[in-house]
C-alpha cells in the first residue's frame, strides 16, 4: 500500500484501531508483532495482541498488516 492510499481516522474524532500492526516500543529493541493499537481522543488507549480483544464496533479499523 502506498502512503497516499493509507486510510485515516475520521476527521475530528481522533479515534481508530490499527489491527495486525508491528509496533516498535521504546524498550530497547522490543518489537510487538501482530498487535492491535486503539487510539481515542488522539491518545493511545490500549495495545494488545491481535485476536486477544475486539475493538469497539464504532471505531474505524485500519488493517496494518504488511506496512
C-alpha atoms as a PDB file:
ATOM      1  CA  UNK A   1       0.000   0.000   0.000  1.00  0.00           C
ATOM      2  CA  UNK A   2       1.413   3.391  -0.909  1.00  0.00           C
ATOM      3  CA  UNK A   3       1.468   6.175   1.707  1.00  0.00           C
ATOM      4  CA  UNK A   4      -1.147   8.121  -0.282  1.00  0.00           C
ATOM      5  CA  UNK A   5      -3.563   5.178  -0.135  1.00  0.00           C
ATOM      6  CA  UNK A   6      -3.410   4.660   3.621  1.00  0.00           C
ATOM      7  CA  UNK A   7      -6.739   5.283   5.359  1.00  0.00           C
ATOM      8  CA  UNK A   8      -7.011   7.925   8.039  1.00  0.00           C
ATOM      9  CA  UNK A   9      -9.155   8.363  11.138  1.00  0.00           C
ATOM     10  CA  UNK A  10     -12.484  10.078  10.765  1.00  0.00           C
ATOM     11  CA  UNK A  11     -11.938  13.858  10.741  1.00  0.00           C
ATOM     12  CA  UNK A  12     -12.017  15.394  14.196  1.00  0.00           C
ATOM     13  CA  UNK A  13     -12.577  12.175  16.143  1.00  0.00           C
ATOM     14  CA  UNK A  14      -9.015  11.082  16.732  1.00  0.00           C
ATOM     15  CA  UNK A  15     -10.356   7.529  17.126  1.00  0.00           C
ATOM     16  CA  UNK A  16      -9.331   4.425  15.187  1.00  0.00           C
ATOM     17  CA  UNK A  17      -7.916   0.927  15.576  1.00  0.00           C
ATOM     18  CA  UNK A  18      -4.765  -0.279  13.836  1.00  0.00           C
ATOM     19  CA  UNK A  19      -5.093  -4.031  13.500  1.00  0.00           C
ATOM     20  CA  UNK A  20      -2.315  -6.568  12.830  1.00  0.00           C
ATOM     21  CA  UNK A  21       0.342  -3.894  13.252  1.00  0.00           C
ATOM     22  CA  UNK A  22       4.031  -4.273  14.006  1.00  0.00           C
ATOM     23  CA  UNK A  23       4.833  -1.852  16.821  1.00  0.00           C
ATOM     24  CA  UNK A  24       8.298  -0.696  17.900  1.00  0.00           C
ATOM     25  CA  UNK A  25       8.446   0.213  21.581  1.00  0.00           C
ATOM     26  CA  UNK A  26      10.828   2.475  23.450  1.00  0.00           C
ATOM     27  CA  UNK A  27      12.173  -0.514  25.415  1.00  0.00           C
ATOM     28  CA  UNK A  28      15.410  -1.193  23.603  1.00  0.00           C
ATOM     29  CA  UNK A  29      14.851  -3.313  20.535  1.00  0.00           C
ATOM     30  CA  UNK A  30      11.428  -4.647  21.591  1.00  0.00           C
ATOM     31  CA  UNK A  31       9.061  -5.183  18.660  1.00  0.00           C
ATOM     32  CA  UNK A  32       5.439  -6.279  19.051  1.00  0.00           C
ATOM     33  CA  UNK A  33       4.261  -8.291  16.054  1.00  0.00           C
ATOM     34  CA  UNK A  34       0.588  -8.677  15.066  1.00  0.00           C
ATOM     35  CA  UNK A  35      -0.847  -6.304  17.671  1.00  0.00           C
ATOM     36  CA  UNK A  36      -3.896  -4.035  17.714  1.00  0.00           C
ATOM     37  CA  UNK A  37      -3.497  -0.433  18.828  1.00  0.00           C
ATOM     38  CA  UNK A  38      -6.591   1.600  19.749  1.00  0.00           C
ATOM     39  CA  UNK A  39      -6.475   5.402  19.698  1.00  0.00           C
ATOM     40  CA  UNK A  40      -9.218   7.623  21.130  1.00  0.00           C
ATOM     41  CA  UNK A  41      -9.125  11.380  21.587  1.00  0.00           C
ATOM     42  CA  UNK A  42      -5.723  11.390  19.858  1.00  0.00           C
ATOM     43  CA  UNK A  43      -4.151   9.204  22.579  1.00  0.00           C
ATOM     44  CA  UNK A  44      -3.249   5.527  22.746  1.00  0.00           C
ATOM     45  CA  UNK A  45      -5.989   3.812  24.724  1.00  0.00           C
ATOM     46  CA  UNK A  46      -4.818   0.205  24.500  1.00  0.00           C
ATOM     47  CA  UNK A  47      -2.392  -2.215  22.876  1.00  0.00           C
ATOM     48  CA  UNK A  48      -2.907  -5.971  22.819  1.00  0.00           C
ATOM     49  CA  UNK A  49      -2.122  -8.954  20.614  1.00  0.00           C
ATOM     50  CA  UNK A  50      -4.491  -9.061  17.628  1.00  0.00           C
ATOM     51  CA  UNK A  51      -7.265 -11.506  18.390  1.00  0.00           C
ATOM     52  CA  UNK A  52      -6.958 -11.007  22.161  1.00  0.00           C
ATOM     53  CA  UNK A  53      -9.782  -8.462  22.141  1.00  0.00           C
ATOM     54  CA  UNK A  54     -12.126  -6.835  19.645  1.00  0.00           C
ATOM     55  CA  UNK A  55     -12.042  -3.044  19.290  1.00  0.00           C
ATOM     56  CA  UNK A  56     -15.388  -1.285  19.706  1.00  0.00           C
ATOM     57  CA  UNK A  57     -17.648  -1.610  16.680  1.00  0.00           C
ATOM     58  CA  UNK A  58     -17.869   2.180  16.262  1.00  0.00           C
ATOM     59  CA  UNK A  59     -14.133   2.584  15.581  1.00  0.00           C
ATOM     60  CA  UNK A  60     -12.756   2.896  12.066  1.00  0.00           C
ATOM     61  CA  UNK A  61     -10.425  -0.083  11.585  1.00  0.00           C
ATOM     62  CA  UNK A  62      -7.214   0.034   9.619  1.00  0.00           C
ATOM     63  CA  UNK A  63      -5.555  -3.241   8.616  1.00  0.00           C
ATOM     64  CA  UNK A  64      -1.860  -2.502   9.102  1.00  0.00           C
ATOM     65  CA  UNK A  65      -0.633  -5.976   8.110  1.00  0.00           C
ATOM     66  CA  UNK A  66       2.344  -5.665   5.795  1.00  0.00           C
ATOM     67  CA  UNK A  67       3.117  -1.993   6.462  1.00  0.00           C
END
